[in-house]
Amino acid sequence: QVQLVESGGGLVQAGGSLRLSCVASGRTFSSYVMGWFRQAPGKEREFVAEITGSVGVTRYADSVKGRFTISRDNAKNTVFLQMNSLKPEDTAVYYCAARPSGRSYTSWGQGTQVTVSA
C-alpha cells in the first residue's frame, strides 16, 4: 500500500475552479493506477476520475467529463485533479486513491473538502 495525502480543497463560487493535489509515498508510484472519488453528505462515495501509471490513460465519470482533468507527475509522486466550471452539486469530500493495475482500490487518503456556493 501507499500513503496518500490530499490538499487543495476549499470554498469556491459556482463557475470557479480548484486544483486538488495528492502526494503518495513509496518508490513504485508510477506502477499504480491513481483515482479520485468523492462523497457528498448523505450519499455514497462515487468515482470521479482515474489515470493509469506510465501511459496515463484517463477515465471520467459522466458528471465531470469536460470540466475536470486528472493528471500525474510520476517524478513527484503526485496526482492532480483540475476542476473547472464547478457546480454546487460538486460539493463533497474528495478522496485520492491508489490501486495496482487490474485490482481494486486499496489505499485511500484522508480526504479534502470542496464546497461550491451557488
Protein backbone atom coordinates (compact mmCIF):
# COMPACT_ATOMS: atom_id res chain seq x y z
CA GLN A 1 0.00 0.00 0.00
CA VAL A 2 0.93 3.64 -0.36
CA GLN A 3 0.28 6.57 1.93
CA LEU A 4 -1.73 9.37 0.31
CA VAL A 5 -2.16 12.99 1.39
CA GLU A 6 -4.59 15.31 -0.40
CA SER A 7 -4.60 19.11 -0.46
CA GLY A 8 -6.18 21.97 -2.37
CA GLY A 9 -9.78 21.83 -1.26
CA GLY A 10 -11.71 24.91 -0.23
CA LEU A 11 -14.70 27.16 -0.81
CA VAL A 12 -15.38 28.48 -4.31
CA GLN A 13 -18.30 30.10 -6.10
CA ALA A 14 -20.18 28.27 -8.82
CA GLY A 15 -18.32 28.56 -12.11
CA GLY A 16 -14.97 28.76 -10.37
CA SER A 17 -12.01 26.40 -10.35
CA LEU A 18 -9.94 24.43 -7.87
CA ARG A 19 -6.92 22.16 -8.25
CA LEU A 20 -6.56 19.21 -5.91
CA SER A 21 -3.22 17.51 -5.31
CA CYS A 22 -2.38 14.14 -3.81
CA VAL A 23 1.15 13.17 -2.83
CA ALA A 24 1.98 9.49 -2.47
CA SER A 25 4.71 7.80 -0.51
CA GLY A 26 6.84 4.97 -1.86
CA ARG A 27 9.07 4.31 -4.83
CA THR A 28 6.57 2.46 -7.04
CA PHE A 29 4.14 5.32 -7.64
CA SER A 30 4.31 5.01 -11.43
CA SER A 31 3.04 1.43 -11.26
CA TYR A 32 -0.23 2.42 -9.56
CA VAL A 33 -3.50 3.49 -11.11
CA MET A 34 -4.50 6.68 -9.29
CA GLY A 35 -8.05 7.79 -8.79
CA TRP A 36 -10.25 10.49 -7.31
CA PHE A 37 -13.54 9.76 -5.58
CA ARG A 38 -15.97 12.00 -3.74
CA GLN A 39 -18.64 11.68 -1.09
CA ALA A 40 -21.37 14.23 -0.54
CA PRO A 41 -23.35 14.39 2.74
CA GLY A 42 -25.86 11.58 2.94
CA LYS A 43 -24.60 9.93 -0.24
CA GLU A 44 -22.32 7.04 -1.07
CA ARG A 45 -18.77 7.55 -2.24
CA GLU A 46 -18.64 7.84 -6.01
CA PHE A 47 -15.97 7.54 -8.68
CA VAL A 48 -14.76 10.79 -10.26
CA ALA A 49 -11.71 10.02 -12.39
CA GLU A 50 -8.67 7.79 -12.71
CA ILE A 51 -5.38 7.68 -14.58
CA THR A 52 -3.15 4.71 -15.33
CA GLY A 53 0.52 4.52 -14.35
CA SER A 54 3.12 5.16 -17.01
CA VAL A 55 0.94 5.68 -20.12
CA GLY A 56 -1.57 7.95 -18.43
CA VAL A 57 -4.85 6.70 -19.86
CA THR A 58 -7.72 8.54 -18.21
CA ARG A 59 -11.34 7.75 -17.41
CA TYR A 60 -14.05 10.05 -16.03
CA ALA A 61 -17.49 9.91 -14.54
CA ASP A 62 -20.09 11.32 -16.92
CA SER A 63 -20.96 14.04 -14.41
CA VAL A 64 -17.48 15.61 -14.64
CA LYS A 65 -16.48 14.98 -18.25
CA GLY A 66 -15.35 18.15 -19.96
CA ARG A 67 -14.99 20.01 -16.65
CA PHE A 68 -12.43 18.01 -14.65
CA THR A 69 -8.97 16.86 -15.73
CA ILE A 70 -6.86 14.27 -13.94
CA SER A 71 -3.09 14.25 -14.44
CA ARG A 72 0.01 12.91 -12.71
CA ASP A 73 3.67 13.72 -12.25
CA ASN A 74 5.46 10.45 -11.59
CA ALA A 75 8.73 12.23 -10.79
CA LYS A 76 7.00 13.98 -7.89
CA ASN A 77 4.70 11.09 -6.83
CA THR A 78 1.75 13.41 -7.30
CA VAL A 79 -1.67 13.19 -8.94
CA PHE A 80 -3.81 16.23 -9.66
CA LEU A 81 -7.47 16.95 -10.26
CA GLN A 82 -8.14 20.22 -12.06
CA MET A 83 -11.78 21.15 -11.53
CA ASN A 84 -13.31 23.87 -13.71
CA SER A 85 -16.85 25.19 -14.10
CA LEU A 86 -17.67 23.95 -10.63
CA LYS A 87 -21.29 23.45 -9.65
CA PRO A 88 -22.95 23.32 -6.21
CA GLU A 89 -23.55 19.60 -6.78
CA ASP A 90 -19.77 19.09 -6.88
CA THR A 91 -19.70 19.86 -3.15
CA ALA A 92 -18.21 16.83 -1.38
CA VAL A 93 -15.20 15.42 0.39
CA TYR A 94 -12.75 14.39 -2.32
CA TYR A 95 -10.54 11.35 -1.79
CA CYS A 96 -7.40 10.26 -3.56
CA ALA A 97 -6.94 6.52 -4.03
CA ALA A 98 -4.41 4.09 -5.47
CA ARG A 99 -4.64 0.57 -6.83
CA PRO A 100 -2.37 -1.89 -8.57
CA SER A 101 -3.31 -2.38 -12.21
CA GLY A 102 -6.12 -4.90 -12.55
CA ARG A 103 -7.07 -4.79 -8.89
CA SER A 104 -9.40 -2.84 -6.62
CA TYR A 105 -8.51 0.38 -4.83
CA THR A 106 -6.69 -0.47 -1.62
CA SER A 107 -5.10 2.81 -0.49
CA TRP A 108 -7.05 5.96 0.41
CA GLY A 109 -6.21 9.45 1.54
CA GLN A 110 -7.93 11.28 4.39
CA GLY A 111 -9.99 13.48 2.07
CA THR A 112 -10.22 17.19 1.35
CA GLN A 113 -13.42 19.24 1.49
CA VAL A 114 -14.64 21.04 -1.62
CA THR A 115 -17.58 23.40 -1.19
CA VAL A 116 -19.18 25.18 -4.14
CA SER A 117 -21.57 28.00 -3.31
CA ALA A 118 -24.43 28.98 -5.60
